[in-house]
Amino acid sequence: MKKTALTLAALVLAATAQAQSSNSYSTQAHTYGLLSLGQGHLNVDCTGVQTCDRNAVGGKAVVGYAFGNGFSLEGGYTHFGRFRASDGTVGLSAKPEALSLSGAYTAALTPDWGLVGRVGVARVRTKLNADVGSLSGSDSESKTQPLVGLAVNYALTPSTRVELGVDATRAQFQGERANVRMVSLGARMAF
């Protein structure tokens, strides 16, 4: 999946070389939305487990307000994916998802390229499903965790940007914590 995401990013960037770009990075206050898909990774120890998939497809949706000076306020939803492990007849899946509120700063590297840093808090809900033979059950736990992110974006038009980024936080269930992150590629559109 990492190779696929990198290949997709390279193709998008190559295709945008011919696209219309903005003359300068937006200094006007505006509302924007960001939709992206990517690969989530749950950092857990799989020692002694027969099969363990710590990578999954995820996505995020963000709505933000840019104040026009590089700073913005964002609210979003991130689904990090569904991670699975099994050992014979016992199966376990974890599905972390987060509602977040963060501050972001976009630095204009050139008129077309921008670097975005995000810091905020996320209400991370971790849902676990367990299957033992024909029996199954599920439980979930929500915790407030820190959220950080870093992204680079490229202007296709004055109001549309392609963004490649990484977001990281923690998932927690019954006192056990695991770092979770998502590398994603998406489109950011100003309204």
N, C-alpha and C. Protein backbone atom coordinates (compact mmCIF):
# COMPACT_ATOMS: atom_id res chain seq x y z
N MET A 1 0.82 -1.19 0.00
CA MET A 1 0.00 0.00 0.00
C MET A 1 0.86 1.25 0.00
N LYS A 2 2.04 1.20 0.68
CA LYS A 2 2.92 2.35 0.71
C LYS A 2 3.40 2.69 -0.69
N LYS A 3 3.76 1.64 -1.46
CA LYS A 3 4.22 1.86 -2.83
C LYS A 3 3.10 2.45 -3.68
N THR A 4 1.87 1.97 -3.47
CA THR A 4 0.73 2.48 -4.22
C THR A 4 0.49 3.95 -3.91
N ALA A 5 0.56 4.33 -2.64
CA ALA A 5 0.34 5.73 -2.25
C ALA A 5 1.43 6.62 -2.82
N LEU A 6 2.68 6.16 -2.77
CA LEU A 6 3.77 6.96 -3.32
C LEU A 6 3.67 7.08 -4.84
N THR A 7 3.29 5.99 -5.50
CA THR A 7 3.12 6.03 -6.95
C THR A 7 1.99 6.97 -7.33
N LEU A 8 0.87 6.91 -6.59
CA LEU A 8 -0.26 7.79 -6.85
C LEU A 8 0.14 9.25 -6.66
N ALA A 9 0.89 9.52 -5.60
CA ALA A 9 1.35 10.90 -5.34
C ALA A 9 2.25 11.39 -6.46
N ALA A 10 3.15 10.54 -6.93
CA ALA A 10 4.05 10.93 -8.02
C ALA A 10 3.28 11.20 -9.30
N LEU A 11 2.27 10.38 -9.59
CA LEU A 11 1.46 10.59 -10.79
C LEU A 11 0.67 11.89 -10.72
N VAL A 12 0.09 12.17 -9.56
CA VAL A 12 -0.67 13.41 -9.39
C VAL A 12 0.23 14.62 -9.55
N LEU A 13 1.41 14.56 -8.92
CA LEU A 13 2.33 15.68 -9.03
C LEU A 13 2.83 15.86 -10.47
N ALA A 14 3.08 14.77 -11.18
CA ALA A 14 3.51 14.87 -12.57
C ALA A 14 2.40 15.45 -13.45
N ALA A 15 1.17 15.03 -13.20
CA ALA A 15 0.04 15.54 -13.98
C ALA A 15 -0.19 17.02 -13.74
N THR A 16 0.10 17.48 -12.53
CA THR A 16 -0.15 18.88 -12.21
C THR A 16 0.92 19.81 -12.77
N ALA A 17 2.00 19.26 -13.30
CA ALA A 17 3.04 20.11 -13.88
C ALA A 17 2.50 20.93 -15.04
N GLN A 18 1.47 20.42 -15.71
CA GLN A 18 0.87 21.12 -16.84
C GLN A 18 -0.39 21.90 -16.43
N ALA A 19 -0.78 21.74 -15.17
CA ALA A 19 -2.04 22.36 -14.73
C ALA A 19 -1.86 23.85 -14.46
N GLN A 20 -2.96 24.56 -14.49
CA GLN A 20 -2.95 25.98 -14.16
C GLN A 20 -2.66 26.13 -12.67
N SER A 21 -1.79 27.06 -12.31
CA SER A 21 -1.46 27.28 -10.92
C SER A 21 -1.79 28.71 -10.52
N SER A 22 -1.84 28.93 -9.23
CA SER A 22 -2.15 30.27 -8.74
C SER A 22 -0.91 31.14 -8.80
N ASN A 23 -1.08 32.46 -8.91
CA ASN A 23 0.04 33.38 -8.95
C ASN A 23 0.63 33.61 -7.57
N SER A 24 -0.17 33.51 -6.55
CA SER A 24 0.33 33.68 -5.20
C SER A 24 -0.52 32.86 -4.25
N TYR A 25 0.07 32.52 -3.12
CA TYR A 25 -0.67 31.74 -2.14
C TYR A 25 -1.77 32.62 -1.54
N SER A 26 -2.94 32.06 -1.34
CA SER A 26 -4.10 32.83 -0.89
C SER A 26 -3.84 33.53 0.43
N THR A 27 -4.05 34.84 0.44
CA THR A 27 -3.93 35.61 1.68
C THR A 27 -5.30 36.09 2.13
N GLN A 28 -6.35 35.64 1.46
CA GLN A 28 -7.72 36.01 1.81
C GLN A 28 -8.31 34.99 2.78
N ALA A 29 -9.10 35.46 3.72
CA ALA A 29 -9.80 34.56 4.63
C ALA A 29 -10.82 33.76 3.82
N HIS A 30 -10.92 32.47 4.10
CA HIS A 30 -11.86 31.61 3.38
C HIS A 30 -12.11 30.31 4.14
N THR A 31 -13.19 29.65 3.77
CA THR A 31 -13.53 28.34 4.29
C THR A 31 -13.06 27.31 3.28
N TYR A 32 -12.63 26.15 3.75
CA TYR A 32 -12.18 25.11 2.83
C TYR A 32 -12.56 23.73 3.36
N GLY A 33 -12.53 22.77 2.46
CA GLY A 33 -12.78 21.39 2.81
C GLY A 33 -11.65 20.52 2.27
N LEU A 34 -11.37 19.45 2.96
CA LEU A 34 -10.32 18.51 2.55
C LEU A 34 -10.86 17.10 2.65
N LEU A 35 -10.78 16.36 1.56
CA LEU A 35 -11.15 14.94 1.54
C LEU A 35 -9.93 14.16 1.09
N SER A 36 -9.59 13.10 1.83
CA SER A 36 -8.42 12.31 1.44
C SER A 36 -8.59 10.85 1.82
N LEU A 37 -7.85 10.01 1.10
CA LEU A 37 -7.78 8.58 1.36
C LEU A 37 -6.33 8.21 1.59
N GLY A 38 -6.11 7.17 2.38
CA GLY A 38 -4.73 6.79 2.62
C GLY A 38 -4.61 5.48 3.35
N GLN A 39 -3.39 5.26 3.87
CA GLN A 39 -3.10 4.04 4.58
C GLN A 39 -2.90 4.34 6.05
N GLY A 40 -3.69 3.64 6.89
CA GLY A 40 -3.54 3.76 8.33
C GLY A 40 -2.59 2.70 8.83
N HIS A 41 -1.94 2.99 9.94
CA HIS A 41 -1.02 2.04 10.57
C HIS A 41 -1.24 2.08 12.08
N LEU A 42 -1.47 0.92 12.67
CA LEU A 42 -1.64 0.77 14.12
C LEU A 42 -0.38 0.12 14.66
N ASN A 43 0.32 0.80 15.56
CA ASN A 43 1.59 0.32 16.09
C ASN A 43 1.34 -0.58 17.30
N VAL A 44 1.11 -1.86 17.03
CA VAL A 44 0.87 -2.84 18.09
C VAL A 44 1.86 -3.99 17.94
N ASP A 45 2.10 -4.68 19.05
CA ASP A 45 3.00 -5.84 19.07
C ASP A 45 2.21 -7.08 18.68
N CYS A 46 2.62 -7.73 17.61
CA CYS A 46 1.93 -8.93 17.12
C CYS A 46 2.70 -10.21 17.42
N THR A 47 3.59 -10.17 18.38
CA THR A 47 4.39 -11.34 18.73
C THR A 47 3.47 -12.49 19.16
N GLY A 48 3.69 -13.65 18.57
CA GLY A 48 2.94 -14.85 18.93
C GLY A 48 1.59 -14.97 18.26
N VAL A 49 1.22 -14.02 17.40
CA VAL A 49 -0.07 -14.08 16.71
C VAL A 49 0.16 -14.65 15.32
N GLN A 50 -0.72 -15.56 14.91
CA GLN A 50 -0.56 -16.24 13.63
C GLN A 50 -0.62 -15.27 12.45
N THR A 51 -1.65 -14.43 12.36
CA THR A 51 -1.73 -13.41 11.32
C THR A 51 -2.05 -12.06 11.99
N CYS A 52 -1.41 -11.03 11.47
CA CYS A 52 -1.60 -9.71 12.06
C CYS A 52 -1.45 -8.67 10.96
N ASP A 53 -2.49 -7.90 10.74
CA ASP A 53 -2.46 -6.85 9.72
C ASP A 53 -2.56 -5.51 10.44
N ARG A 54 -1.43 -4.81 10.53
CA ARG A 54 -1.39 -3.52 11.21
C ARG A 54 -1.60 -2.35 10.27
N ASN A 55 -1.83 -2.62 8.98
CA ASN A 55 -2.07 -1.58 7.98
C ASN A 55 -3.46 -1.74 7.40
N ALA A 56 -4.12 -0.62 7.14
CA ALA A 56 -5.49 -0.66 6.60
C ALA A 56 -5.77 0.61 5.82
N VAL A 57 -6.76 0.55 4.96
CA VAL A 57 -7.17 1.73 4.19
C VAL A 57 -8.07 2.60 5.06
N GLY A 58 -7.80 3.89 5.06
CA GLY A 58 -8.59 4.83 5.85
C GLY A 58 -8.86 6.09 5.06
N GLY A 59 -9.47 7.05 5.70
CA GLY A 59 -9.77 8.31 5.04
C GLY A 59 -10.09 9.40 6.06
N LYS A 60 -10.10 10.64 5.58
CA LYS A 60 -10.45 11.74 6.47
C LYS A 60 -11.19 12.82 5.71
N ALA A 61 -11.99 13.56 6.47
CA ALA A 61 -12.73 14.71 5.96
C ALA A 61 -12.52 15.85 6.95
N VAL A 62 -12.15 17.01 6.42
CA VAL A 62 -11.84 18.17 7.26
C VAL A 62 -12.55 19.39 6.70
N VAL A 63 -13.07 20.21 7.58
CA VAL A 63 -13.60 21.53 7.21
C VAL A 63 -12.79 22.54 8.02
N GLY A 64 -12.31 23.57 7.34
CA GLY A 64 -11.47 24.54 8.02
C GLY A 64 -11.81 25.97 7.64
N TYR A 65 -11.34 26.89 8.47
CA TYR A 65 -11.47 28.31 8.18
C TYR A 65 -10.07 28.92 8.24
N ALA A 66 -9.60 29.43 7.10
CA ALA A 66 -8.30 30.08 7.01
C ALA A 66 -8.49 31.56 7.28
N PHE A 67 -7.71 32.09 8.21
CA PHE A 67 -7.84 33.49 8.60
C PHE A 67 -7.14 34.44 7.64
N GLY A 68 -6.35 33.92 6.69
CA GLY A 68 -5.70 34.75 5.69
C GLY A 68 -4.27 35.11 6.02
N ASN A 69 -3.78 34.68 7.17
CA ASN A 69 -2.39 34.97 7.56
C ASN A 69 -1.58 33.69 7.73
N GLY A 70 -2.06 32.59 7.15
CA GLY A 70 -1.41 31.29 7.28
C GLY A 70 -2.03 30.42 8.34
N PHE A 71 -2.71 31.03 9.33
CA PHE A 71 -3.33 30.26 10.41
C PHE A 71 -4.75 29.87 10.03
N SER A 72 -5.17 28.69 10.51
CA SER A 72 -6.54 28.25 10.29
C SER A 72 -6.99 27.36 11.45
N LEU A 73 -8.28 27.19 11.55
CA LEU A 73 -8.92 26.34 12.54
C LEU A 73 -9.64 25.23 11.78
N GLU A 74 -9.43 23.97 12.19
CA GLU A 74 -9.99 22.84 11.46
C GLU A 74 -10.76 21.90 12.38
N GLY A 75 -11.83 21.36 11.85
CA GLY A 75 -12.58 20.30 12.51
C GLY A 75 -12.65 19.14 11.55
N GLY A 76 -12.49 17.92 12.04
CA GLY A 76 -12.47 16.81 11.10
C GLY A 76 -12.85 15.47 11.69
N TYR A 77 -12.99 14.52 10.79
CA TYR A 77 -13.25 13.13 11.12
C TYR A 77 -12.21 12.28 10.39
N THR A 78 -11.56 11.38 11.12
CA THR A 78 -10.58 10.48 10.51
C THR A 78 -10.95 9.04 10.86
N HIS A 79 -11.02 8.21 9.84
CA HIS A 79 -11.21 6.78 10.02
C HIS A 79 -9.87 6.14 9.65
N PHE A 80 -9.16 5.61 10.63
CA PHE A 80 -7.81 5.09 10.40
C PHE A 80 -7.81 3.72 9.73
N GLY A 81 -8.94 3.07 9.62
CA GLY A 81 -9.03 1.76 8.99
C GLY A 81 -9.41 0.69 9.99
N ARG A 82 -9.52 -0.54 9.49
CA ARG A 82 -9.83 -1.69 10.34
C ARG A 82 -8.62 -2.62 10.33
N PHE A 83 -8.08 -2.85 11.52
CA PHE A 83 -6.89 -3.67 11.68
C PHE A 83 -7.29 -5.02 12.24
N ARG A 84 -6.70 -6.10 11.69
CA ARG A 84 -7.13 -7.45 12.07
C ARG A 84 -5.97 -8.31 12.53
N ALA A 85 -6.29 -9.23 13.45
CA ALA A 85 -5.34 -10.24 13.91
C ALA A 85 -6.13 -11.51 14.20
N SER A 86 -5.49 -12.66 13.96
CA SER A 86 -6.16 -13.92 14.27
C SER A 86 -5.13 -14.97 14.66
N ASP A 87 -5.58 -15.90 15.44
CA ASP A 87 -4.74 -17.00 15.89
C ASP A 87 -5.63 -18.23 15.98
N GLY A 88 -5.68 -18.99 14.92
CA GLY A 88 -6.55 -20.17 14.88
C GLY A 88 -8.01 -19.76 14.79
N THR A 89 -8.80 -20.13 15.79
CA THR A 89 -10.23 -19.82 15.77
C THR A 89 -10.56 -18.50 16.46
N VAL A 90 -9.54 -17.79 16.95
CA VAL A 90 -9.75 -16.51 17.64
C VAL A 90 -9.37 -15.38 16.69
N GLY A 91 -10.31 -14.46 16.48
CA GLY A 91 -10.06 -13.31 15.62
C GLY A 91 -10.36 -12.02 16.35
N LEU A 92 -9.58 -11.00 16.07
CA LEU A 92 -9.76 -9.70 16.72
C LEU A 92 -9.58 -8.62 15.66
N SER A 93 -10.45 -7.62 15.70
CA SER A 93 -10.28 -6.46 14.81
C SER A 93 -10.44 -5.19 15.63
N ALA A 94 -9.66 -4.18 15.27
CA ALA A 94 -9.71 -2.88 15.93
C ALA A 94 -10.00 -1.82 14.88
N LYS A 95 -10.88 -0.90 15.22
CA LYS A 95 -11.25 0.17 14.29
C LYS A 95 -11.19 1.51 15.02
N PRO A 96 -10.03 2.20 14.97
CA PRO A 96 -9.95 3.52 15.59
C PRO A 96 -10.46 4.61 14.64
N GLU A 97 -11.20 5.55 15.19
CA GLU A 97 -11.69 6.70 14.43
C GLU A 97 -11.67 7.91 15.35
N ALA A 98 -11.57 9.10 14.77
CA ALA A 98 -11.39 10.28 15.60
C ALA A 98 -12.18 11.47 15.08
N LEU A 99 -12.74 12.22 16.01
CA LEU A 99 -13.27 13.56 15.75
C LEU A 99 -12.22 14.51 16.30
N SER A 100 -11.83 15.50 15.50
CA SER A 100 -10.71 16.34 15.92
C SER A 100 -11.01 17.83 15.77
N LEU A 101 -10.29 18.61 16.55
CA LEU A 101 -10.28 20.06 16.47
C LEU A 101 -8.82 20.47 16.56
N SER A 102 -8.34 21.18 15.54
CA SER A 102 -6.92 21.52 15.53
C SER A 102 -6.69 22.90 14.94
N GLY A 103 -5.55 23.44 15.29
CA GLY A 103 -5.05 24.65 14.68
C GLY A 103 -4.03 24.24 13.64
N ALA A 104 -4.00 24.96 12.54
CA ALA A 104 -3.06 24.64 11.47
C ALA A 104 -2.36 25.91 11.01
N TYR A 105 -1.15 25.74 10.54
CA TYR A 105 -0.42 26.86 9.95
C TYR A 105 0.12 26.39 8.61
N THR A 106 -0.15 27.18 7.56
CA THR A 106 0.33 26.88 6.23
C THR A 106 1.40 27.90 5.85
N ALA A 107 2.59 27.39 5.58
CA ALA A 107 3.69 28.24 5.12
C ALA A 107 3.79 28.11 3.61
N ALA A 108 3.78 29.22 2.91
CA ALA A 108 3.91 29.22 1.45
C ALA A 108 5.38 29.05 1.10
N LEU A 109 5.74 27.88 0.56
CA LEU A 109 7.11 27.64 0.15
C LEU A 109 7.42 28.34 -1.17
N THR A 110 6.47 28.29 -2.09
CA THR A 110 6.51 29.00 -3.36
C THR A 110 5.07 29.43 -3.62
N PRO A 111 4.77 30.13 -4.71
CA PRO A 111 3.37 30.45 -4.97
C PRO A 111 2.47 29.21 -5.12
N ASP A 112 3.05 28.08 -5.53
CA ASP A 112 2.25 26.87 -5.75
C ASP A 112 2.35 25.85 -4.63
N TRP A 113 3.45 25.82 -3.91
CA TRP A 113 3.70 24.80 -2.88
C TRP A 113 3.49 25.37 -1.49
N GLY A 114 2.85 24.56 -0.62
CA GLY A 114 2.64 24.96 0.77
C GLY A 114 2.98 23.82 1.71
N LEU A 115 3.44 24.17 2.90
CA LEU A 115 3.74 23.20 3.95
C LEU A 115 2.79 23.48 5.11
N VAL A 116 2.06 22.45 5.56
CA VAL A 116 1.03 22.60 6.59
C VAL A 116 1.42 21.82 7.83
N GLY A 117 1.35 22.47 8.99
CA GLY A 117 1.53 21.81 10.27
C GLY A 117 0.24 21.90 11.07
N ARG A 118 -0.13 20.81 11.72
CA ARG A 118 -1.37 20.77 12.51
C ARG A 118 -1.08 20.29 13.92
N VAL A 119 -1.74 20.90 14.90
CA VAL A 119 -1.67 20.46 16.29
C VAL A 119 -3.07 20.63 16.88
N GLY A 120 -3.53 19.60 17.57
CA GLY A 120 -4.86 19.70 18.16
C GLY A 120 -5.17 18.55 19.08
N VAL A 121 -6.46 18.38 19.31
CA VAL A 121 -6.94 17.28 20.15
C VAL A 121 -7.94 16.46 19.33
N ALA A 122 -7.99 15.18 19.66
CA ALA A 122 -8.91 14.27 18.97
C ALA A 122 -9.62 13.42 20.01
N ARG A 123 -10.88 13.22 19.79
CA ARG A 123 -11.66 12.27 20.60
C ARG A 123 -11.62 10.96 19.82
N VAL A 124 -10.72 10.07 20.24
CA VAL A 124 -10.47 8.82 19.51
C VAL A 124 -11.34 7.71 20.10
N ARG A 125 -12.16 7.14 19.24
CA ARG A 125 -13.01 6.01 19.63
C ARG A 125 -12.38 4.75 19.03
N THR A 126 -12.07 3.80 19.90
CA THR A 126 -11.49 2.54 19.46
C THR A 126 -12.51 1.44 19.68
N LYS A 127 -12.93 0.82 18.60
CA LYS A 127 -13.91 -0.27 18.68
C LYS A 127 -13.20 -1.58 18.41
N LEU A 128 -13.38 -2.55 19.30
CA LEU A 128 -12.81 -3.88 19.15
C LEU A 128 -13.91 -4.89 18.91
N ASN A 129 -13.69 -5.78 17.97
CA ASN A 129 -14.58 -6.90 17.70
C ASN A 129 -13.78 -8.18 17.90
N ALA A 130 -14.36 -9.15 18.61
CA ALA A 130 -13.68 -10.42 18.85
C ALA A 130 -14.59 -11.56 18.40
N ASP A 131 -13.97 -12.55 17.78
CA ASP A 131 -14.67 -13.76 17.35
C ASP A 131 -13.91 -14.97 17.91
N VAL A 132 -14.63 -15.83 18.65
CA VAL A 132 -14.06 -17.06 19.16
C VAL A 132 -14.98 -18.17 18.69
N GLY A 133 -14.54 -18.89 17.67
CA GLY A 133 -15.40 -19.91 17.08
C GLY A 133 -16.65 -19.26 16.53
N SER A 134 -17.82 -19.68 17.02
CA SER A 134 -19.08 -19.11 16.54
C SER A 134 -19.57 -17.96 17.42
N LEU A 135 -18.86 -17.65 18.49
CA LEU A 135 -19.23 -16.55 19.38
C LEU A 135 -18.53 -15.26 18.94
N SER A 136 -19.23 -14.15 19.12
CA SER A 136 -18.62 -12.87 18.79
C SER A 136 -19.13 -11.80 19.74
N GLY A 137 -18.33 -10.76 19.87
CA GLY A 137 -18.71 -9.65 20.73
C GLY A 137 -17.91 -8.42 20.35
N SER A 138 -18.38 -7.27 20.82
CA SER A 138 -17.66 -6.03 20.53
C SER A 138 -17.79 -5.07 21.71
N ASP A 139 -16.83 -4.16 21.77
CA ASP A 139 -16.82 -3.14 22.81
C ASP A 139 -16.05 -1.95 22.26
N SER A 140 -16.27 -0.78 22.83
CA SER A 140 -15.53 0.41 22.37
C SER A 140 -15.20 1.29 23.55
N GLU A 141 -14.20 2.14 23.36
CA GLU A 141 -13.78 3.08 24.37
C GLU A 141 -13.34 4.36 23.68
N SER A 142 -13.70 5.51 24.24
CA SER A 142 -13.32 6.81 23.67
C SER A 142 -12.45 7.56 24.66
N LYS A 143 -11.37 8.13 24.14
CA LYS A 143 -10.43 8.91 24.95
C LYS A 143 -10.01 10.14 24.16
N THR A 144 -9.75 11.24 24.87
CA THR A 144 -9.22 12.44 24.24
C THR A 144 -7.71 12.33 24.20
N GLN A 145 -7.16 12.52 23.01
CA GLN A 145 -5.73 12.34 22.78
C GLN A 145 -5.17 13.52 21.99
N PRO A 146 -3.86 13.77 22.05
CA PRO A 146 -3.26 14.80 21.19
C PRO A 146 -3.24 14.33 19.74
N LEU A 147 -3.25 15.28 18.84
CA LEU A 147 -3.21 15.00 17.40
C LEU A 147 -2.18 15.92 16.76
N VAL A 148 -1.31 15.37 15.93
CA VAL A 148 -0.35 16.17 15.18
C VAL A 148 -0.39 15.75 13.72
N GLY A 149 -0.05 16.67 12.84
CA GLY A 149 -0.04 16.35 11.42
C GLY A 149 0.93 17.25 10.67
N LEU A 150 1.39 16.76 9.53
CA LEU A 150 2.27 17.50 8.66
C LEU A 150 1.89 17.14 7.23
N ALA A 151 1.81 18.16 6.36
CA ALA A 151 1.41 17.91 4.98
C ALA A 151 2.11 18.88 4.04
N VAL A 152 2.19 18.49 2.80
CA VAL A 152 2.66 19.37 1.74
C VAL A 152 1.54 19.42 0.70
N ASN A 153 1.28 20.62 0.15
CA ASN A 153 0.23 20.71 -0.86
C ASN A 153 0.71 21.50 -2.07
N TYR A 154 0.02 21.28 -3.19
CA TYR A 154 0.37 21.90 -4.46
C TYR A 154 -0.90 22.46 -5.10
N ALA A 155 -0.82 23.71 -5.59
CA ALA A 155 -1.98 24.37 -6.19
C ALA A 155 -2.21 23.87 -7.61
N LEU A 156 -3.40 23.33 -7.85
CA LEU A 156 -3.84 23.00 -9.21
C LEU A 156 -4.48 24.22 -9.85
N THR A 157 -5.28 24.92 -9.05
CA THR A 157 -5.94 26.17 -9.44
C THR A 157 -5.86 27.09 -8.22
N PRO A 158 -6.28 28.34 -8.33
CA PRO A 158 -6.25 29.21 -7.15
C PRO A 158 -7.08 28.69 -5.97
N SER A 159 -8.10 27.86 -6.22
CA SER A 159 -8.95 27.38 -5.13
C SER A 159 -8.84 25.88 -4.86
N THR A 160 -8.01 25.15 -5.60
CA THR A 160 -7.90 23.70 -5.44
C THR A 160 -6.44 23.29 -5.26
N ARG A 161 -6.20 22.50 -4.24
CA ARG A 161 -4.86 22.01 -3.96
C ARG A 161 -4.88 20.50 -3.75
N VAL A 162 -3.82 19.83 -4.17
CA VAL A 162 -3.60 18.42 -3.86
C VAL A 162 -2.75 18.39 -2.61
N GLU A 163 -3.12 17.54 -1.63
CA GLU A 163 -2.39 17.52 -0.36
C GLU A 163 -1.98 16.10 0.01
N LEU A 164 -0.69 15.94 0.32
CA LEU A 164 -0.13 14.68 0.80
C LEU A 164 0.31 14.91 2.23
N GLY A 165 -0.23 14.12 3.17
CA GLY A 165 0.07 14.39 4.57
C GLY A 165 0.08 13.15 5.44
N VAL A 166 0.51 13.36 6.67
CA VAL A 166 0.49 12.32 7.69
C VAL A 166 -0.11 12.92 8.96
N ASP A 167 -1.00 12.17 9.60
CA ASP A 167 -1.63 12.55 10.86
C ASP A 167 -1.40 11.44 11.86
N ALA A 168 -1.12 11.81 13.11
CA ALA A 168 -0.85 10.80 14.14
C ALA A 168 -1.52 11.15 15.45
N THR A 169 -2.00 10.11 16.15
CA THR A 169 -2.58 10.23 17.48
C THR A 169 -2.43 8.89 18.18
N ARG A 170 -3.19 8.65 19.25
CA ARG A 170 -3.13 7.39 19.98
C ARG A 170 -4.51 6.79 20.11
N ALA A 171 -4.56 5.46 20.00
CA ALA A 171 -5.79 4.71 20.28
C ALA A 171 -5.59 4.07 21.65
N GLN A 172 -6.66 4.00 22.42
CA GLN A 172 -6.55 3.42 23.76
C GLN A 172 -7.76 2.55 24.04
N PHE A 173 -7.49 1.38 24.66
CA PHE A 173 -8.57 0.48 25.05
C PHE A 173 -8.15 -0.22 26.33
N GLN A 174 -8.94 -0.04 27.40
CA GLN A 174 -8.71 -0.65 28.72
C GLN A 174 -7.27 -0.45 29.18
N GLY A 175 -6.79 0.79 29.08
CA GLY A 175 -5.46 1.12 29.58
C GLY A 175 -4.32 0.85 28.63
N GLU A 176 -4.56 0.10 27.57
CA GLU A 176 -3.52 -0.19 26.58
C GLU A 176 -3.54 0.87 25.50
N ARG A 177 -2.38 1.47 25.23
CA ARG A 177 -2.28 2.51 24.20
C ARG A 177 -1.47 2.03 23.01
N ALA A 178 -1.83 2.54 21.85
CA ALA A 178 -1.07 2.25 20.62
C ALA A 178 -1.11 3.49 19.75
N ASN A 179 0.04 3.84 19.21
CA ASN A 179 0.09 4.96 18.28
C ASN A 179 -0.60 4.56 16.98
N VAL A 180 -1.33 5.47 16.40
CA VAL A 180 -2.00 5.23 15.13
C VAL A 180 -1.74 6.44 14.23
N ARG A 181 -1.46 6.16 12.96
CA ARG A 181 -1.19 7.24 12.02
C ARG A 181 -1.80 6.90 10.67
N MET A 182 -1.95 7.95 9.86
CA MET A 182 -2.44 7.73 8.50
C MET A 182 -1.68 8.65 7.56
N VAL A 183 -1.17 8.06 6.49
CA VAL A 183 -0.57 8.80 5.38
C VAL A 183 -1.65 8.87 4.32
N SER A 184 -1.98 10.09 3.88
CA SER A 184 -3.11 10.21 2.95
C SER A 184 -2.83 11.21 1.84
N LEU A 185 -3.57 11.06 0.76
CA LEU A 185 -3.51 11.95 -0.40
C LEU A 185 -4.94 12.40 -0.69
N GLY A 186 -5.11 13.71 -0.84
CA GLY A 186 -6.46 14.20 -1.06
C GLY A 186 -6.49 15.55 -1.74
N ALA A 187 -7.69 16.10 -1.81
CA ALA A 187 -7.93 17.40 -2.46
C ALA A 187 -8.48 18.39 -1.45
N ARG A 188 -7.93 19.59 -1.49
CA ARG A 188 -8.38 20.69 -0.62
C ARG A 188 -9.00 21.75 -1.51
N MET A 189 -10.26 22.09 -1.23
CA MET A 189 -11.01 23.05 -2.05
C MET A 189 -11.48 24.23 -1.20
N ALA A 190 -11.19 25.44 -1.66
CA ALA A 190 -11.66 26.65 -0.98
C ALA A 190 -13.09 26.94 -1.43
N PHE A 191 -13.92 27.42 -0.50
CA PHE A 191 -15.32 27.76 -0.82
C PHE A 191 -15.44 29.25 -0.98
